[in-house]
Amino acid sequence: MTIDLDIAAFRVNFPLYADEVKYTDALLNAQYAIGKCYIEDSDCTMAEACREYALQSMLAHLLYIRDQVNAGNNIGVITSASEGDVSVSLATPVVEDEWHYWFNSSPFGRELVAMLSGNAVGGFYVGGTPERKAFRKAGGVF
């Protein structure tokens, strides 16, 4: 079963995006579809309400990053900057990989990682091929 975006519920859960002029239904639906590229919305052991909130959290995360980029803000932590000959240094992420660094770039992403980690017994996958759902490759080959 796939989940369609409940825009009214999203705007209640994430009031930062309640402005219907700035965050049109078309924009929300387009970004929600992109979010489904990262999180599988079916064939999941998570309860339907939790899965829906996870997808909404991914949408909020994508919107947050989009807004930061559009405002010209750097997502990374700047440790030093220069003006002559332009030099900028970014902090090394205090996370295990780039995936978690990307999620840590918004409060919604951090919440999403916590929720997915708590609901993932034996690990989980986000997107990818059918081989990532099992120990064997599709077709039963190792």
N, C-alpha and C. Protein backbone atom coordinates (compact mmCIF):
# COMPACT_ATOMS: atom_id res chain seq x y z
N MET A 1 0.84 -1.18 0.00
CA MET A 1 0.00 0.00 0.00
C MET A 1 0.88 1.24 0.00
N THR A 2 0.66 2.13 -0.94
CA THR A 2 1.41 3.38 -0.96
C THR A 2 0.60 4.46 -0.25
N ILE A 3 1.32 5.44 0.24
CA ILE A 3 0.70 6.51 1.02
C ILE A 3 0.75 7.80 0.22
N ASP A 4 -0.40 8.45 0.08
CA ASP A 4 -0.47 9.76 -0.56
C ASP A 4 -0.33 10.82 0.52
N LEU A 5 0.17 11.97 0.14
CA LEU A 5 0.37 13.05 1.09
C LEU A 5 -0.96 13.63 1.56
N ASP A 6 -1.15 13.67 2.86
CA ASP A 6 -2.28 14.35 3.49
C ASP A 6 -1.77 15.75 3.83
N ILE A 7 -2.03 16.70 2.93
CA ILE A 7 -1.46 18.04 3.07
C ILE A 7 -1.94 18.73 4.34
N ALA A 8 -3.21 18.57 4.69
CA ALA A 8 -3.73 19.21 5.90
C ALA A 8 -3.01 18.67 7.14
N ALA A 9 -2.81 17.36 7.21
CA ALA A 9 -2.10 16.77 8.35
C ALA A 9 -0.65 17.22 8.36
N PHE A 10 -0.02 17.32 7.19
CA PHE A 10 1.37 17.79 7.12
C PHE A 10 1.49 19.20 7.67
N ARG A 11 0.57 20.08 7.28
CA ARG A 11 0.62 21.47 7.74
C ARG A 11 0.39 21.57 9.25
N VAL A 12 -0.39 20.65 9.82
CA VAL A 12 -0.59 20.62 11.28
C VAL A 12 0.66 20.08 11.97
N ASN A 13 1.22 19.00 11.45
CA ASN A 13 2.42 18.39 12.04
C ASN A 13 3.65 19.27 11.92
N PHE A 14 3.73 20.06 10.86
CA PHE A 14 4.90 20.90 10.59
C PHE A 14 4.43 22.33 10.29
N PRO A 15 4.07 23.08 11.34
CA PRO A 15 3.51 24.42 11.13
C PRO A 15 4.45 25.41 10.44
N LEU A 16 5.73 25.11 10.40
CA LEU A 16 6.67 25.95 9.67
C LEU A 16 6.28 26.05 8.19
N TYR A 17 5.58 25.03 7.70
CA TYR A 17 5.20 24.97 6.29
C TYR A 17 3.69 25.17 6.08
N ALA A 18 3.06 25.89 6.98
CA ALA A 18 1.61 26.13 6.90
C ALA A 18 1.23 27.20 5.88
N ASP A 19 2.17 28.03 5.48
CA ASP A 19 1.91 29.10 4.52
C ASP A 19 1.57 28.50 3.15
N GLU A 20 0.30 28.59 2.77
CA GLU A 20 -0.16 27.97 1.52
C GLU A 20 0.29 28.71 0.27
N VAL A 21 0.73 29.95 0.44
CA VAL A 21 1.23 30.71 -0.71
C VAL A 21 2.68 30.34 -0.99
N LYS A 22 3.50 30.32 0.07
CA LYS A 22 4.92 29.99 -0.09
C LYS A 22 5.11 28.50 -0.37
N TYR A 23 4.31 27.67 0.30
CA TYR A 23 4.42 26.22 0.15
C TYR A 23 3.12 25.70 -0.46
N THR A 24 3.05 25.81 -1.77
CA THR A 24 1.84 25.41 -2.48
C THR A 24 1.65 23.89 -2.42
N ASP A 25 0.42 23.47 -2.67
CA ASP A 25 0.14 22.04 -2.69
C ASP A 25 0.98 21.34 -3.75
N ALA A 26 1.16 21.99 -4.89
CA ALA A 26 1.95 21.39 -5.98
C ALA A 26 3.41 21.19 -5.54
N LEU A 27 3.98 22.18 -4.85
CA LEU A 27 5.35 22.06 -4.35
C LEU A 27 5.45 20.93 -3.33
N LEU A 28 4.50 20.87 -2.40
CA LEU A 28 4.52 19.83 -1.38
C LEU A 28 4.42 18.45 -2.01
N ASN A 29 3.52 18.28 -2.97
CA ASN A 29 3.37 16.98 -3.63
C ASN A 29 4.61 16.60 -4.41
N ALA A 30 5.24 17.56 -5.06
CA ALA A 30 6.46 17.27 -5.84
C ALA A 30 7.59 16.85 -4.92
N GLN A 31 7.80 17.57 -3.82
CA GLN A 31 8.86 17.23 -2.89
C GLN A 31 8.56 15.92 -2.15
N TYR A 32 7.28 15.66 -1.90
CA TYR A 32 6.87 14.40 -1.26
C TYR A 32 7.23 13.21 -2.15
N ALA A 33 7.00 13.38 -3.46
CA ALA A 33 7.35 12.31 -4.41
C ALA A 33 8.85 12.07 -4.40
N ILE A 34 9.65 13.14 -4.28
CA ILE A 34 11.10 12.98 -4.19
C ILE A 34 11.46 12.26 -2.89
N GLY A 35 10.79 12.60 -1.81
CA GLY A 35 11.04 11.94 -0.53
C GLY A 35 10.81 10.44 -0.59
N LYS A 36 9.87 10.01 -1.43
CA LYS A 36 9.60 8.58 -1.58
C LYS A 36 10.75 7.86 -2.29
N CYS A 37 11.63 8.61 -2.91
CA CYS A 37 12.83 8.00 -3.49
C CYS A 37 13.81 7.60 -2.39
N TYR A 38 13.72 8.24 -1.24
CA TYR A 38 14.60 7.95 -0.12
C TYR A 38 14.02 6.95 0.85
N ILE A 39 12.71 6.99 1.04
CA ILE A 39 12.05 6.10 2.00
C ILE A 39 10.99 5.29 1.27
N GLU A 40 11.07 3.99 1.38
CA GLU A 40 10.08 3.10 0.78
C GLU A 40 8.77 3.30 1.52
N ASP A 41 7.68 3.54 0.80
CA ASP A 41 6.40 3.79 1.46
C ASP A 41 5.49 2.57 1.50
N SER A 42 5.99 1.44 1.05
CA SER A 42 5.21 0.20 1.14
C SER A 42 6.17 -0.93 1.49
N ASP A 43 5.63 -2.11 1.75
CA ASP A 43 6.45 -3.26 2.09
C ASP A 43 7.36 -2.93 3.27
N CYS A 44 6.76 -2.37 4.30
CA CYS A 44 7.51 -1.89 5.45
C CYS A 44 6.86 -2.42 6.73
N THR A 45 7.68 -2.72 7.73
CA THR A 45 7.15 -3.24 8.99
C THR A 45 6.66 -2.14 9.91
N MET A 46 6.91 -0.89 9.57
CA MET A 46 6.49 0.23 10.41
C MET A 46 4.97 0.40 10.33
N ALA A 47 4.34 0.76 11.44
CA ALA A 47 2.90 1.00 11.45
C ALA A 47 2.57 2.11 10.46
N GLU A 48 1.37 2.03 9.88
CA GLU A 48 1.00 2.98 8.84
C GLU A 48 1.09 4.44 9.30
N ALA A 49 0.63 4.74 10.51
CA ALA A 49 0.69 6.12 11.01
C ALA A 49 2.15 6.57 11.15
N CYS A 50 3.01 5.68 11.63
CA CYS A 50 4.43 6.02 11.77
C CYS A 50 5.08 6.20 10.41
N ARG A 51 4.73 5.35 9.46
CA ARG A 51 5.29 5.43 8.11
C ARG A 51 4.87 6.76 7.46
N GLU A 52 3.60 7.14 7.66
CA GLU A 52 3.12 8.41 7.11
C GLU A 52 3.88 9.59 7.73
N TYR A 53 4.09 9.56 9.03
CA TYR A 53 4.83 10.63 9.69
C TYR A 53 6.29 10.65 9.23
N ALA A 54 6.87 9.48 9.02
CA ALA A 54 8.24 9.41 8.52
C ALA A 54 8.34 10.06 7.14
N LEU A 55 7.38 9.79 6.27
CA LEU A 55 7.38 10.40 4.95
C LEU A 55 7.17 11.91 5.04
N GLN A 56 6.33 12.35 5.98
CA GLN A 56 6.12 13.78 6.18
C GLN A 56 7.40 14.43 6.73
N SER A 57 8.10 13.73 7.61
CA SER A 57 9.37 14.25 8.15
C SER A 57 10.40 14.39 7.04
N MET A 58 10.43 13.42 6.12
CA MET A 58 11.35 13.52 4.98
C MET A 58 10.99 14.72 4.12
N LEU A 59 9.70 14.96 3.92
CA LEU A 59 9.25 16.13 3.16
C LEU A 59 9.71 17.41 3.85
N ALA A 60 9.52 17.50 5.16
CA ALA A 60 9.95 18.69 5.91
C ALA A 60 11.46 18.87 5.81
N HIS A 61 12.20 17.77 5.87
CA HIS A 61 13.66 17.81 5.74
C HIS A 61 14.06 18.36 4.36
N LEU A 62 13.44 17.86 3.32
CA LEU A 62 13.75 18.33 1.97
C LEU A 62 13.40 19.80 1.80
N LEU A 63 12.27 20.23 2.35
CA LEU A 63 11.86 21.63 2.26
C LEU A 63 12.83 22.53 3.04
N TYR A 64 13.26 22.07 4.20
CA TYR A 64 14.19 22.83 5.02
C TYR A 64 15.50 23.07 4.26
N ILE A 65 16.04 22.00 3.69
CA ILE A 65 17.29 22.12 2.92
C ILE A 65 17.09 23.03 1.71
N ARG A 66 15.97 22.88 1.03
CA ARG A 66 15.65 23.71 -0.13
C ARG A 66 15.61 25.18 0.26
N ASP A 67 14.97 25.48 1.40
CA ASP A 67 14.89 26.86 1.86
C ASP A 67 16.26 27.41 2.22
N GLN A 68 17.10 26.59 2.85
CA GLN A 68 18.45 27.03 3.22
C GLN A 68 19.28 27.33 1.98
N VAL A 69 19.21 26.48 1.00
CA VAL A 69 19.96 26.68 -0.24
C VAL A 69 19.45 27.92 -0.98
N ASN A 70 18.12 28.08 -1.06
CA ASN A 70 17.54 29.25 -1.73
C ASN A 70 17.91 30.55 -1.03
N ALA A 71 18.12 30.51 0.30
CA ALA A 71 18.49 31.70 1.06
C ALA A 71 20.00 31.96 1.00
N GLY A 72 20.74 31.06 0.35
CA GLY A 72 22.18 31.23 0.24
C GLY A 72 22.94 30.79 1.47
N ASN A 73 22.28 30.05 2.34
CA ASN A 73 22.93 29.56 3.56
C ASN A 73 23.67 28.26 3.29
N ASN A 74 24.81 28.11 3.95
CA ASN A 74 25.58 26.89 3.82
C ASN A 74 25.04 25.88 4.82
N ILE A 75 24.84 24.65 4.38
CA ILE A 75 24.32 23.60 5.25
C ILE A 75 25.38 23.14 6.25
N GLY A 76 26.65 23.17 5.87
CA GLY A 76 27.73 22.73 6.74
C GLY A 76 28.07 23.74 7.81
N VAL A 77 28.89 23.33 8.77
CA VAL A 77 29.35 24.20 9.85
C VAL A 77 30.68 24.83 9.44
N ILE A 78 30.69 26.15 9.31
CA ILE A 78 31.90 26.85 8.91
C ILE A 78 32.78 27.08 10.13
N THR A 79 34.04 26.62 10.04
CA THR A 79 34.97 26.79 11.16
C THR A 79 35.87 27.99 10.97
N SER A 80 36.13 28.37 9.72
CA SER A 80 36.92 29.58 9.46
C SER A 80 36.61 30.07 8.05
N ALA A 81 36.86 31.37 7.86
CA ALA A 81 36.63 31.97 6.55
C ALA A 81 37.65 33.09 6.34
N SER A 82 37.97 33.35 5.09
CA SER A 82 38.88 34.44 4.73
C SER A 82 38.24 35.22 3.61
N GLU A 83 38.71 36.42 3.40
CA GLU A 83 38.16 37.18 2.28
C GLU A 83 39.16 37.30 1.15
N GLY A 84 40.41 37.65 1.46
CA GLY A 84 41.44 37.72 0.43
C GLY A 84 41.77 36.33 -0.10
N ASP A 85 41.65 36.11 -1.38
CA ASP A 85 41.84 34.81 -2.04
C ASP A 85 40.80 33.78 -1.60
N VAL A 86 39.73 34.20 -1.02
CA VAL A 86 38.56 33.42 -0.64
C VAL A 86 38.89 32.02 -0.14
N SER A 87 38.75 31.80 1.13
CA SER A 87 39.01 30.50 1.74
C SER A 87 37.94 30.22 2.80
N VAL A 88 37.34 29.07 2.74
CA VAL A 88 36.32 28.67 3.72
C VAL A 88 36.65 27.26 4.18
N SER A 89 36.59 27.03 5.49
CA SER A 89 36.81 25.69 6.04
C SER A 89 35.54 25.22 6.73
N LEU A 90 35.16 23.99 6.45
CA LEU A 90 33.98 23.40 7.06
C LEU A 90 34.39 22.36 8.08
N ALA A 91 33.60 22.23 9.12
CA ALA A 91 33.86 21.23 10.16
C ALA A 91 33.63 19.83 9.61
N THR A 92 34.44 18.91 10.07
CA THR A 92 34.25 17.51 9.71
C THR A 92 33.01 17.00 10.44
N PRO A 93 32.11 16.34 9.74
CA PRO A 93 30.88 15.88 10.39
C PRO A 93 31.18 14.91 11.53
N VAL A 94 30.44 15.04 12.61
CA VAL A 94 30.60 14.16 13.76
C VAL A 94 29.53 13.05 13.64
N VAL A 95 29.53 12.41 12.51
CA VAL A 95 28.60 11.32 12.23
C VAL A 95 29.37 10.24 11.49
N GLU A 96 28.74 9.08 11.37
CA GLU A 96 29.45 7.94 10.78
C GLU A 96 29.59 7.98 9.26
N ASP A 97 28.71 8.70 8.58
CA ASP A 97 28.78 8.73 7.12
C ASP A 97 28.07 9.96 6.56
N GLU A 98 28.16 10.16 5.25
CA GLU A 98 27.55 11.31 4.59
C GLU A 98 26.03 11.27 4.69
N TRP A 99 25.47 10.08 4.70
CA TRP A 99 24.02 9.91 4.79
C TRP A 99 23.50 10.54 6.07
N HIS A 100 24.14 10.21 7.19
CA HIS A 100 23.73 10.77 8.47
C HIS A 100 24.06 12.26 8.55
N TYR A 101 25.14 12.68 7.91
CA TYR A 101 25.48 14.11 7.86
C TYR A 101 24.37 14.88 7.16
N TRP A 102 23.86 14.33 6.06
CA TRP A 102 22.78 14.96 5.31
C TRP A 102 21.53 15.06 6.18
N PHE A 103 21.20 13.99 6.88
CA PHE A 103 20.03 14.03 7.77
C PHE A 103 20.23 15.03 8.91
N ASN A 104 21.45 15.17 9.39
CA ASN A 104 21.71 16.09 10.50
C ASN A 104 21.69 17.55 10.08
N SER A 105 21.49 17.82 8.81
CA SER A 105 21.45 19.20 8.34
C SER A 105 20.11 19.88 8.62
N SER A 106 19.15 19.15 9.18
CA SER A 106 17.88 19.77 9.57
C SER A 106 17.35 19.10 10.83
N PRO A 107 16.55 19.82 11.61
CA PRO A 107 15.96 19.20 12.80
C PRO A 107 15.00 18.07 12.43
N PHE A 108 14.38 18.18 11.27
CA PHE A 108 13.44 17.15 10.83
C PHE A 108 14.18 15.88 10.44
N GLY A 109 15.34 16.03 9.83
CA GLY A 109 16.15 14.88 9.47
C GLY A 109 16.66 14.13 10.69
N ARG A 110 17.06 14.88 11.72
CA ARG A 110 17.52 14.23 12.96
C ARG A 110 16.39 13.44 13.61
N GLU A 111 15.20 14.02 13.62
CA GLU A 111 14.04 13.32 14.18
C GLU A 111 13.73 12.06 13.36
N LEU A 112 13.83 12.18 12.06
CA LEU A 112 13.55 11.05 11.18
C LEU A 112 14.53 9.90 11.41
N VAL A 113 15.80 10.21 11.53
CA VAL A 113 16.80 9.17 11.80
C VAL A 113 16.49 8.47 13.12
N ALA A 114 16.13 9.24 14.13
CA ALA A 114 15.80 8.64 15.43
C ALA A 114 14.59 7.72 15.30
N MET A 115 13.57 8.14 14.56
CA MET A 115 12.37 7.33 14.39
C MET A 115 12.68 6.05 13.60
N LEU A 116 13.42 6.20 12.51
CA LEU A 116 13.73 5.03 11.68
C LEU A 116 14.62 4.06 12.44
N SER A 117 15.56 4.58 13.21
CA SER A 117 16.44 3.70 13.99
C SER A 117 15.66 2.94 15.04
N GLY A 118 14.69 3.59 15.66
CA GLY A 118 13.88 2.94 16.68
C GLY A 118 12.93 1.91 16.12
N ASN A 119 12.55 2.05 14.85
CA ASN A 119 11.61 1.12 14.22
C ASN A 119 12.30 0.06 13.39
N ALA A 120 13.61 0.10 13.31
CA ALA A 120 14.34 -0.83 12.45
C ALA A 120 15.00 -1.92 13.29
N VAL A 121 14.38 -3.06 13.36
CA VAL A 121 14.96 -4.19 14.07
C VAL A 121 15.78 -4.98 13.06
N GLY A 122 17.03 -5.17 13.34
CA GLY A 122 17.88 -5.91 12.41
C GLY A 122 18.32 -5.08 11.24
N GLY A 123 18.20 -3.76 11.34
CA GLY A 123 18.62 -2.88 10.26
C GLY A 123 17.47 -2.52 9.34
N PHE A 124 17.69 -1.52 8.53
CA PHE A 124 16.69 -1.09 7.57
C PHE A 124 17.40 -0.56 6.35
N TYR A 125 16.65 -0.38 5.28
CA TYR A 125 17.24 0.20 4.09
C TYR A 125 16.39 1.39 3.71
N VAL A 126 16.99 2.31 3.02
CA VAL A 126 16.29 3.49 2.53
C VAL A 126 16.52 3.53 1.04
N GLY A 127 15.48 3.25 0.28
CA GLY A 127 15.60 3.22 -1.17
C GLY A 127 16.46 2.07 -1.63
N GLY A 128 16.92 2.13 -2.84
CA GLY A 128 17.84 1.10 -3.33
C GLY A 128 17.15 -0.01 -4.10
N THR A 129 17.87 -1.07 -4.31
CA THR A 129 17.41 -2.17 -5.13
C THR A 129 16.75 -3.24 -4.27
N PRO A 130 16.02 -4.18 -4.89
CA PRO A 130 15.38 -5.25 -4.13
C PRO A 130 16.38 -6.11 -3.35
N GLU A 131 17.63 -6.15 -3.80
CA GLU A 131 18.64 -6.94 -3.11
C GLU A 131 18.86 -6.45 -1.68
N ARG A 132 18.59 -5.19 -1.44
CA ARG A 132 18.81 -4.63 -0.11
C ARG A 132 17.74 -5.04 0.88
N LYS A 133 16.67 -5.68 0.41
CA LYS A 133 15.62 -6.13 1.30
C LYS A 133 15.91 -7.49 1.89
N ALA A 134 16.92 -8.18 1.40
CA ALA A 134 17.17 -9.56 1.83
C ALA A 134 18.67 -9.82 1.87
N PHE A 135 19.00 -11.02 2.31
CA PHE A 135 20.41 -11.40 2.36
C PHE A 135 20.91 -11.88 1.01
N ARG A 136 20.00 -12.35 0.17
CA ARG A 136 20.37 -12.83 -1.15
C ARG A 136 20.01 -11.79 -2.20
N LYS A 137 20.61 -11.92 -3.34
CA LYS A 137 20.23 -11.05 -4.43
C LYS A 137 18.89 -11.49 -5.01
N ALA A 138 18.26 -10.63 -5.76
CA ALA A 138 16.99 -10.99 -6.39
C ALA A 138 17.21 -12.22 -7.27
N GLY A 139 16.35 -13.17 -7.17
CA GLY A 139 16.50 -14.39 -7.92
C GLY A 139 17.19 -15.48 -7.13
N GLY A 140 17.60 -15.20 -5.88
CA GLY A 140 18.16 -16.20 -5.00
C GLY A 140 19.65 -16.43 -5.13
N VAL A 141 20.35 -15.60 -5.90
CA VAL A 141 21.78 -15.76 -6.07
C VAL A 141 22.51 -14.94 -5.03
N PHE A 142 23.60 -15.48 -4.49
CA PHE A 142 24.38 -14.70 -3.52
C PHE A 142 25.23 -13.67 -4.21
